[in-house]
Structures are given as structure tokens and as C-alpha cells.
Amino acid sequence: MKDIVIVDAVRTPIGKFRGSLAGVRADHLGSLVLNRLLERVDVSPTLVDDVIFGNVTQIGEQSANIARTALLGAGWPVTVAGLTIDRKCGSGEVAVHMAAGAIAAGAA
């Protein structure tokens, strides 16, 4: 079995309810994070199979697939898949486990 490692991680800023980030779309923040991550690891988005985001409480405009709209907004190829997990406080951890499982299974 291949070793599965996290090469780097980038996250959005943490906001407060009705705080300074309230008017900023989640997919816009996600686009910034995705492109910053590529800069840090020097990888082309054409080498990415899938993007999995963890998000808490998807409501309103962010109730769509944030990962997919973020990667498209970042200018990534339309061939890259996107998946958004909303499992409240466990969203990020579940996203990491799902990504590792996909890699281990040879699906990514």
C-alpha cells in the first residue's frame, strides 16, 4: 500500500457570525486558498484529480458545491472534480479521510 501524506495545508480565515467576512462568498475564499496552495507546493492544477472541502453550515449562496465552484473560480481545469462535505465540526477531518481513502483505493 502507498503511504498517503499531506504535503501542505492552507485554510480560510476564521470569521465570526455577522463579522467582517459575512459578505464574502465561501467559494471566493476557496479559490484564493486553492491557488495559494498550488503556489506553495509548485504543482499544476492539471495534476489534480479531485478537490474535497470541509465546510460547516452551508446556507444561502454557499449551499451549492463550494469545492467545485471554488476550483472553477480559481481557473482550474473543468476536468477536476469537486466535493463539499458538511458534517459540522468534523467536516475538515472527514474531508481528509475521504481524500486519503480515495488515494489508497487508487481512485485519485
C-alpha atoms as a PDB file:
ATOM      1  CA  MET A   1       0.000   0.000   0.000  1.00  0.00           C
ATOM      2  CA  LYS A   2       1.205   3.504  -0.806  1.00  0.00           C
ATOM      3  CA  ASP A   3       1.924   5.910   2.012  1.00  0.00           C
ATOM      4  CA  ILE A   4      -0.571   8.739   1.992  1.00  0.00           C
ATOM      5  CA  VAL A   5       0.787  12.060   3.145  1.00  0.00           C
ATOM      6  CA  ILE A   6      -0.435  15.618   3.441  1.00  0.00           C
ATOM      7  CA  VAL A   7       2.091  17.767   1.601  1.00  0.00           C
ATOM      8  CA  ASP A   8       0.744  21.125   2.761  1.00  0.00           C
ATOM      9  CA  ALA A   9      -2.418  22.725   4.016  1.00  0.00           C
ATOM     10  CA  VAL A  10      -3.971  26.148   3.643  1.00  0.00           C
ATOM     11  CA  ARG A  11      -7.204  27.344   5.176  1.00  0.00           C
ATOM     12  CA  THR A  12      -9.509  30.301   5.001  1.00  0.00           C
ATOM     13  CA  PRO A  13      -9.557  32.859   7.803  1.00  0.00           C
ATOM     14  CA  ILE A  14     -11.830  32.076  10.723  1.00  0.00           C
ATOM     15  CA  GLY A  15     -14.702  34.526  10.950  1.00  0.00           C
ATOM     16  CA  LYS A  16     -17.404  35.344  13.444  1.00  0.00           C
ATOM     17  CA  PHE A  17     -21.151  35.324  12.913  1.00  0.00           C
ATOM     18  CA  ARG A  18     -22.035  38.560  11.064  1.00  0.00           C
ATOM     19  CA  GLY A  19     -18.383  39.596  11.268  1.00  0.00           C
ATOM     20  CA  SER A  20     -16.063  41.157   8.699  1.00  0.00           C
ATOM     21  CA  LEU A  21     -16.213  38.101   6.418  1.00  0.00           C
ATOM     22  CA  ALA A  22     -20.012  37.873   6.395  1.00  0.00           C
ATOM     23  CA  GLY A  23     -20.277  39.410   2.928  1.00  0.00           C
ATOM     24  CA  VAL A  24     -17.527  37.310   1.369  1.00  0.00           C
ATOM     25  CA  ARG A  25     -18.604  34.243  -0.600  1.00  0.00           C
ATOM     26  CA  ALA A  26     -17.189  30.919   0.572  1.00  0.00           C
ATOM     27  CA  ASP A  27     -16.287  29.868  -2.975  1.00  0.00           C
ATOM     28  CA  HIS A  28     -14.295  33.088  -3.458  1.00  0.00           C
ATOM     29  CA  LEU A  29     -12.286  32.388  -0.307  1.00  0.00           C
ATOM     30  CA  GLY A  30     -11.852  28.814  -1.506  1.00  0.00           C
ATOM     31  CA  SER A  31     -10.470  29.992  -4.858  1.00  0.00           C
ATOM     32  CA  LEU A  32      -7.851  32.074  -3.071  1.00  0.00           C
ATOM     33  CA  VAL A  33      -6.865  29.139  -0.870  1.00  0.00           C
ATOM     34  CA  LEU A  34      -6.609  26.713  -3.804  1.00  0.00           C
ATOM     35  CA  ASN A  35      -4.328  28.976  -5.821  1.00  0.00           C
ATOM     36  CA  ARG A  36      -2.185  29.798  -2.779  1.00  0.00           C
ATOM     37  CA  LEU A  37      -1.722  26.090  -2.101  1.00  0.00           C
ATOM     38  CA  LEU A  38      -0.559  25.494  -5.685  1.00  0.00           C
ATOM     39  CA  GLU A  39       1.951  28.338  -5.335  1.00  0.00           C
ATOM     40  CA  ARG A  40       3.343  26.834  -2.138  1.00  0.00           C
ATOM     41  CA  VAL A  41       3.765  23.288  -3.467  1.00  0.00           C
ATOM     42  CA  ASP A  42       4.562  24.280  -7.078  1.00  0.00           C
ATOM     43  CA  VAL A  43       2.071  21.881  -8.677  1.00  0.00           C
ATOM     44  CA  SER A  44      -0.030  22.397 -11.786  1.00  0.00           C
ATOM     45  CA  PRO A  45      -3.804  22.087 -11.316  1.00  0.00           C
ATOM     46  CA  THR A  46      -3.779  19.732 -14.316  1.00  0.00           C
ATOM     47  CA  LEU A  47      -2.212  17.122 -11.996  1.00  0.00           C
ATOM     48  CA  VAL A  48      -5.105  17.304  -9.518  1.00  0.00           C
ATOM     49  CA  ASP A  49      -7.880  14.700  -9.767  1.00  0.00           C
ATOM     50  CA  ASP A  50     -10.225  15.906  -7.065  1.00  0.00           C
ATOM     51  CA  VAL A  51     -10.747  18.695  -4.535  1.00  0.00           C
ATOM     52  CA  ILE A  52     -12.561  17.936  -1.280  1.00  0.00           C
ATOM     53  CA  PHE A  53     -13.602  20.793   1.001  1.00  0.00           C
ATOM     54  CA  GLY A  54     -14.930  20.586   4.532  1.00  0.00           C
ATOM     55  CA  ASN A  55     -17.438  23.314   5.380  1.00  0.00           C
ATOM     56  CA  VAL A  56     -19.724  23.939   8.334  1.00  0.00           C
ATOM     57  CA  THR A  57     -23.327  25.056   7.893  1.00  0.00           C
ATOM     58  CA  GLN A  58     -23.812  25.612   4.185  1.00  0.00           C
ATOM     59  CA  ILE A  59     -26.602  28.159   3.821  1.00  0.00           C
ATOM     60  CA  GLY A  60     -27.748  30.684   1.236  1.00  0.00           C
ATOM     61  CA  GLU A  61     -25.310  31.272  -1.612  1.00  0.00           C
ATOM     62  CA  GLN A  62     -22.870  28.778  -0.166  1.00  0.00           C
ATOM     63  CA  SER A  63     -25.357  25.916  -0.210  1.00  0.00           C
ATOM     64  CA  ALA A  64     -24.013  24.739  -3.572  1.00  0.00           C
ATOM     65  CA  ASN A  65     -20.891  22.618  -4.064  1.00  0.00           C
ATOM     66  CA  ILE A  66     -18.325  25.106  -2.748  1.00  0.00           C
ATOM     67  CA  ALA A  67     -15.334  22.978  -3.746  1.00  0.00           C
ATOM     68  CA  ARG A  68     -16.458  22.772  -7.364  1.00  0.00           C
ATOM     69  CA  THR A  69     -17.347  26.454  -7.728  1.00  0.00           C
ATOM     70  CA  ALA A  70     -14.117  27.450  -5.954  1.00  0.00           C
ATOM     71  CA  LEU A  71     -11.888  25.443  -8.265  1.00  0.00           C
ATOM     72  CA  LEU A  72     -13.683  26.764 -11.339  1.00  0.00           C
ATOM     73  CA  GLY A  73     -13.425  30.311  -9.960  1.00  0.00           C
ATOM     74  CA  ALA A  74      -9.708  29.734  -9.426  1.00  0.00           C
ATOM     75  CA  GLY A  75      -9.338  28.954 -13.115  1.00  0.00           C
ATOM     76  CA  TRP A  76      -8.613  25.258 -12.640  1.00  0.00           C
ATOM     77  CA  PRO A  77      -9.465  22.802 -15.435  1.00  0.00           C
ATOM     78  CA  VAL A  78     -13.105  21.719 -15.682  1.00  0.00           C
ATOM     79  CA  THR A  79     -11.843  18.127 -15.548  1.00  0.00           C
ATOM     80  CA  VAL A  80     -11.036  18.468 -11.827  1.00  0.00           C
ATOM     81  CA  ALA A  81     -13.853  17.141  -9.651  1.00  0.00           C
ATOM     82  CA  GLY A  82     -15.023  18.922  -6.509  1.00  0.00           C
ATOM     83  CA  LEU A  83     -16.806  17.634  -3.405  1.00  0.00           C
ATOM     84  CA  THR A  84     -18.009  19.574  -0.364  1.00  0.00           C
ATOM     85  CA  ILE A  85     -18.573  17.867   2.999  1.00  0.00           C
ATOM     86  CA  ASP A  86     -20.862  19.474   5.597  1.00  0.00           C
ATOM     87  CA  ARG A  87     -20.559  17.423   8.753  1.00  0.00           C
ATOM     88  CA  LYS A  88     -20.429  20.362  11.141  1.00  0.00           C
ATOM     89  CA  CYS A  89     -17.275  20.391  13.307  1.00  0.00           C
ATOM     90  CA  GLY A  90     -15.997  17.179  11.724  1.00  0.00           C
ATOM     91  CA  SER A  91     -16.143  18.473   8.137  1.00  0.00           C
ATOM     92  CA  GLY A  92     -12.427  19.072   7.669  1.00  0.00           C
ATOM     93  CA  GLU A  93     -11.415  15.781   9.244  1.00  0.00           C
ATOM     94  CA  VAL A  94     -13.933  13.842   7.149  1.00  0.00           C
ATOM     95  CA  ALA A  95     -12.645  15.579   4.002  1.00  0.00           C
ATOM     96  CA  VAL A  96      -9.069  14.487   4.793  1.00  0.00           C
ATOM     97  CA  HIS A  97     -10.167  10.894   5.490  1.00  0.00           C
ATOM     98  CA  MET A  98     -12.182  10.748   2.260  1.00  0.00           C
ATOM     99  CA  ALA A  99      -9.236  12.052   0.243  1.00  0.00           C
ATOM    100  CA  ALA A 100      -6.854   9.548   1.847  1.00  0.00           C
ATOM    101  CA  GLY A 101      -9.325   6.733   1.188  1.00  0.00           C
ATOM    102  CA  ALA A 102      -9.661   7.696  -2.474  1.00  0.00           C
ATOM    103  CA  ILE A 103      -5.881   7.738  -2.864  1.00  0.00           C
ATOM    104  CA  ALA A 104      -5.498   4.389  -1.062  1.00  0.00           C
ATOM    105  CA  ALA A 105      -8.153   2.839  -3.304  1.00  0.00           C
ATOM    106  CA  GLY A 106      -6.412   4.120  -6.429  1.00  0.00           C
ATOM    107  CA  ALA A 107      -9.346   6.363  -7.296  1.00  0.00           C
ATOM    108  CA  ALA A 108      -7.256   9.538  -7.164  1.00  0.00           C
END
